[in-house]
Structure formats: C-alpha cells, structure tokens
N, C-alpha and C. Protein backbone atom coordinates (compact mmCIF):
# COMPACT_ATOMS: atom_id res chain seq x y z
N MET A 1 78.20 137.90 133.72
CA MET A 1 77.77 136.58 132.99
C MET A 1 78.38 135.41 133.69
N PRO A 2 77.65 134.33 133.86
CA PRO A 2 78.15 133.10 134.35
C PRO A 2 79.14 132.50 133.50
N GLU A 3 80.07 131.72 134.09
CA GLU A 3 81.06 131.01 133.31
C GLU A 3 80.86 129.45 133.51
N PHE A 4 81.01 128.76 132.42
CA PHE A 4 80.72 127.29 132.43
C PHE A 4 82.04 126.55 132.07
N ASP A 5 82.45 125.60 132.75
CA ASP A 5 83.62 124.79 132.33
C ASP A 5 83.00 123.51 131.70
N THR A 6 83.45 123.05 130.58
CA THR A 6 83.01 121.85 129.99
C THR A 6 84.30 120.98 129.65
N TYR A 7 84.00 119.74 129.63
CA TYR A 7 85.05 118.81 129.40
C TYR A 7 84.46 117.76 128.45
N VAL A 8 85.10 117.57 127.32
CA VAL A 8 84.60 116.54 126.29
C VAL A 8 85.80 115.65 126.12
N ASP A 9 85.42 114.37 126.32
CA ASP A 9 86.52 113.30 126.09
C ASP A 9 86.37 112.71 124.72
N VAL A 10 87.29 113.10 123.76
CA VAL A 10 87.09 112.68 122.36
C VAL A 10 88.27 111.58 122.08
N ASP A 11 87.92 110.44 121.53
CA ASP A 11 88.98 109.58 121.25
C ASP A 11 89.83 109.99 120.00
N VAL A 12 91.15 109.85 120.10
CA VAL A 12 92.02 110.43 119.02
C VAL A 12 91.60 109.87 117.68
N ASP A 13 91.28 108.50 117.62
CA ASP A 13 90.87 107.81 116.24
C ASP A 13 89.56 108.41 115.88
N ASP A 14 88.60 108.62 116.71
CA ASP A 14 87.34 109.19 116.29
C ASP A 14 87.61 110.76 115.69
N TYR A 15 88.54 111.32 116.45
CA TYR A 15 88.85 112.77 115.96
C TYR A 15 89.44 112.80 114.53
N ILE A 16 90.48 112.06 114.45
CA ILE A 16 91.12 111.96 113.11
C ILE A 16 90.32 111.43 112.02
N SER A 17 89.47 110.43 112.30
CA SER A 17 88.62 109.87 111.20
C SER A 17 87.60 110.96 110.79
N ALA A 18 87.16 111.87 111.72
CA ALA A 18 86.22 112.93 111.36
C ALA A 18 86.85 114.07 110.61
N CYS A 19 88.30 114.22 110.58
CA CYS A 19 88.93 115.23 109.93
C CYS A 19 88.97 115.13 108.40
N SER A 20 88.93 116.24 107.66
CA SER A 20 89.11 116.20 106.21
C SER A 20 90.70 116.13 105.92
N LYS A 21 91.01 115.97 104.68
CA LYS A 21 92.38 115.88 104.28
C LYS A 21 93.12 117.29 104.61
N ARG A 22 92.46 118.30 104.41
CA ARG A 22 92.98 119.58 104.84
C ARG A 22 93.29 119.84 106.18
N GLU A 23 92.26 119.28 107.05
CA GLU A 23 92.42 119.36 108.52
C GLU A 23 93.61 118.49 109.02
N ILE A 24 93.71 117.34 108.54
CA ILE A 24 94.84 116.48 108.78
C ILE A 24 96.14 117.12 108.45
N ASP A 25 96.25 117.78 107.33
CA ASP A 25 97.49 118.52 106.98
C ASP A 25 97.76 119.67 108.02
N GLU A 26 96.73 120.35 108.37
CA GLU A 26 96.84 121.37 109.38
C GLU A 26 97.30 120.77 110.68
N LEU A 27 96.80 119.58 111.10
CA LEU A 27 97.19 118.88 112.40
C LEU A 27 98.66 118.56 112.25
N ILE A 28 99.09 117.99 111.17
CA ILE A 28 100.44 117.60 110.97
C ILE A 28 101.36 118.91 111.04
N ASP A 29 101.00 119.95 110.42
CA ASP A 29 101.76 121.27 110.56
C ASP A 29 101.83 121.63 111.97
N ALA A 30 100.74 121.67 112.67
CA ALA A 30 100.77 122.01 114.12
C ALA A 30 101.72 121.10 114.99
N LEU A 31 101.68 119.82 114.70
CA LEU A 31 102.49 118.94 115.44
C LEU A 31 103.95 119.18 115.19
N ILE A 32 104.28 119.51 113.98
CA ILE A 32 105.70 119.90 113.49
C ILE A 32 106.14 121.20 114.30
N GLU A 33 105.24 122.22 114.18
CA GLU A 33 105.50 123.50 114.76
C GLU A 33 105.72 123.43 116.23
N ASP A 34 104.90 122.51 116.99
CA ASP A 34 105.08 122.27 118.35
C ASP A 34 106.25 121.36 118.83
N GLY A 35 106.92 120.76 117.81
CA GLY A 35 108.02 119.94 118.06
C GLY A 35 107.75 118.49 118.43
N HIS A 36 106.48 118.09 118.15
CA HIS A 36 106.08 116.74 118.46
C HIS A 36 106.53 115.75 117.45
N ILE A 37 106.72 116.21 116.19
CA ILE A 37 107.25 115.36 115.18
C ILE A 37 108.18 116.15 114.32
N SER A 38 109.06 115.54 113.71
CA SER A 38 110.00 116.35 112.76
C SER A 38 109.48 116.48 111.36
N PRO A 39 109.84 117.48 110.69
CA PRO A 39 109.47 117.71 109.38
C PRO A 39 109.80 116.43 108.52
N SER A 40 110.95 115.85 108.70
CA SER A 40 111.31 114.76 107.88
C SER A 40 110.51 113.53 108.19
N ALA A 41 110.19 113.26 109.48
CA ALA A 41 109.27 112.11 109.90
C ALA A 41 107.93 112.22 109.22
N ALA A 42 107.48 113.37 109.11
CA ALA A 42 106.12 113.65 108.56
C ALA A 42 106.14 113.24 107.11
N LYS A 43 107.07 113.25 106.36
CA LYS A 43 107.27 112.95 104.90
C LYS A 43 107.61 111.53 104.64
N LEU A 44 107.90 110.69 105.75
CA LEU A 44 108.23 109.26 105.45
C LEU A 44 106.98 108.53 104.98
N PRO A 45 107.25 107.56 104.08
CA PRO A 45 106.18 106.76 103.69
C PRO A 45 105.62 105.81 104.83
N ASN A 46 104.38 105.53 104.86
CA ASN A 46 103.82 104.77 106.03
C ASN A 46 103.99 103.24 105.78
N HIS A 47 104.65 102.88 104.75
CA HIS A 47 104.82 101.42 104.47
C HIS A 47 106.30 100.93 104.87
N LEU A 48 106.91 101.67 105.75
CA LEU A 48 108.24 101.28 106.22
C LEU A 48 108.24 100.13 107.15
N GLY A 49 109.25 99.27 106.94
CA GLY A 49 109.21 98.16 107.89
C GLY A 49 109.86 98.53 109.18
N PHE A 50 109.92 97.62 110.11
CA PHE A 50 110.21 98.02 111.55
C PHE A 50 111.68 98.41 111.58
N LEU A 51 112.61 97.66 110.86
CA LEU A 51 114.02 98.07 110.88
C LEU A 51 114.24 99.42 110.21
N GLU A 52 113.50 99.68 109.06
CA GLU A 52 113.65 100.95 108.44
C GLU A 52 113.21 102.09 109.33
N SER A 53 112.05 101.94 110.03
CA SER A 53 111.64 102.91 110.95
C SER A 53 112.60 103.29 112.02
N LEU A 54 113.27 102.19 112.55
CA LEU A 54 114.25 102.34 113.65
C LEU A 54 115.42 103.18 113.02
N PHE A 55 115.97 102.80 111.78
CA PHE A 55 116.90 103.48 111.15
C PHE A 55 116.64 105.04 111.01
N PHE A 56 115.54 105.32 110.52
CA PHE A 56 115.14 106.73 110.31
C PHE A 56 115.09 107.49 111.57
N GLU A 57 114.52 106.78 112.68
CA GLU A 57 114.48 107.44 114.04
C GLU A 57 115.99 107.71 114.44
N LYS A 58 116.90 106.75 114.30
CA LYS A 58 118.28 107.00 114.61
C LYS A 58 118.92 108.19 113.91
N MET A 59 118.67 108.22 112.67
CA MET A 59 119.21 109.23 111.82
C MET A 59 118.72 110.67 112.14
N GLU A 60 117.42 110.66 112.63
CA GLU A 60 116.81 111.88 113.01
C GLU A 60 117.41 112.35 114.38
N LYS A 61 117.65 111.41 115.23
CA LYS A 61 118.34 111.79 116.57
C LYS A 61 119.82 112.24 116.30
N LEU A 62 120.51 111.64 115.38
CA LEU A 62 121.77 111.99 115.06
C LEU A 62 121.86 113.40 114.55
N LYS A 63 120.88 113.63 113.63
CA LYS A 63 120.80 114.98 113.12
C LYS A 63 120.66 116.12 114.08
N GLU A 64 120.05 115.84 115.17
CA GLU A 64 119.87 116.84 116.23
C GLU A 64 121.17 116.99 117.09
N LYS A 65 122.08 116.15 116.93
CA LYS A 65 123.34 116.24 117.74
C LYS A 65 124.60 116.76 116.96
N TYR A 66 124.35 117.26 115.78
CA TYR A 66 125.36 117.85 114.88
C TYR A 66 126.39 118.55 115.68
N TYR A 67 126.06 119.50 116.47
CA TYR A 67 127.18 120.17 117.22
C TYR A 67 127.90 119.52 118.23
N ARG A 68 127.49 118.30 118.53
CA ARG A 68 128.23 117.49 119.60
C ARG A 68 129.09 116.46 118.93
N LEU A 69 129.09 116.37 117.64
CA LEU A 69 129.94 115.46 116.95
C LEU A 69 131.50 115.86 116.97
N SER A 70 132.35 114.92 117.20
CA SER A 70 133.74 115.09 117.13
C SER A 70 134.15 115.11 115.73
N LYS A 71 135.35 115.63 115.48
CA LYS A 71 135.98 115.55 114.18
C LYS A 71 136.05 114.09 113.63
N GLU A 72 136.45 113.23 114.50
CA GLU A 72 136.49 111.80 114.11
C GLU A 72 135.10 111.29 113.75
N ASP A 73 134.02 111.57 114.55
CA ASP A 73 132.71 111.20 114.22
C ASP A 73 132.32 111.83 112.86
N GLU A 74 132.53 112.98 112.57
CA GLU A 74 132.27 113.66 111.44
C GLU A 74 132.92 112.96 110.07
N SER A 75 134.19 112.59 110.49
CA SER A 75 135.01 111.95 109.41
C SER A 75 134.46 110.51 108.96
N ILE A 76 134.01 109.80 110.02
CA ILE A 76 133.40 108.53 109.86
C ILE A 76 132.00 108.76 108.99
N LEU A 77 131.21 109.72 109.31
CA LEU A 77 130.02 109.91 108.59
C LEU A 77 130.23 110.37 107.20
N GLU A 78 131.42 111.05 107.03
CA GLU A 78 131.71 111.59 105.72
C GLU A 78 132.09 110.40 104.89
N ASP A 79 132.86 109.39 105.33
CA ASP A 79 133.20 108.18 104.61
C ASP A 79 132.02 107.38 104.27
N LEU A 80 131.09 107.27 105.25
CA LEU A 80 129.82 106.63 104.89
C LEU A 80 129.03 107.26 103.77
N PHE A 81 129.00 108.61 103.76
CA PHE A 81 128.28 109.36 102.74
C PHE A 81 128.97 109.09 101.32
N LYS A 82 130.27 109.19 101.30
CA LYS A 82 131.04 108.90 100.05
C LYS A 82 130.80 107.51 99.62
N LYS A 83 130.65 106.55 100.55
CA LYS A 83 130.52 105.14 100.15
C LYS A 83 129.22 104.84 99.42
N TYR A 84 128.08 105.56 100.01
CA TYR A 84 126.76 105.18 99.59
C TYR A 84 126.14 106.26 98.68
N LEU A 85 126.82 107.41 98.46
CA LEU A 85 126.12 108.46 97.62
C LEU A 85 126.86 108.50 96.28
C-alpha cells in the first residue's frame, strides 16, 4: 500500500473555537498531564489582573521548589501563613 504524508496548518484560535466544552476540558486535561500547565493554574479565574497573575505564577514556581527550601525559608513562609490565614 502506498503511504501519504499530509500536513495541515491549523490556527490555534480556529481549532479552539471549533471545540466543544467537553473537548476543551479534554485539551486542558492533556496539557496538565503533559506538564504544559499546572492543575492549579487551570483553575484560576480568567479575570485576574496583571499583578495577581504574576503573584500566582511566583507561588506556583515556589511550590515546585519545596525540597530546596532552607529551614529559615520555611520559617519565613510559616510566619506569612500564620499572618494571613
């Protein structure tokens, strides 16, 4: 049997606008599984301001560095938690 190679260039916006709600949810799940976005970032409201978005990005990066925190860093974070929770 002959083999054919095809290439289709689809714009991301066109692709997403053609997806149903269920397909968008599947796409988000796939992006999370592949490590392109974090589960917590997928749940953020899309009406965040610029500074709020930066804050959440920083917190996400900090979360990934848990095992690299010193006892002093951990203590500082614990003090912040106690102050605001």
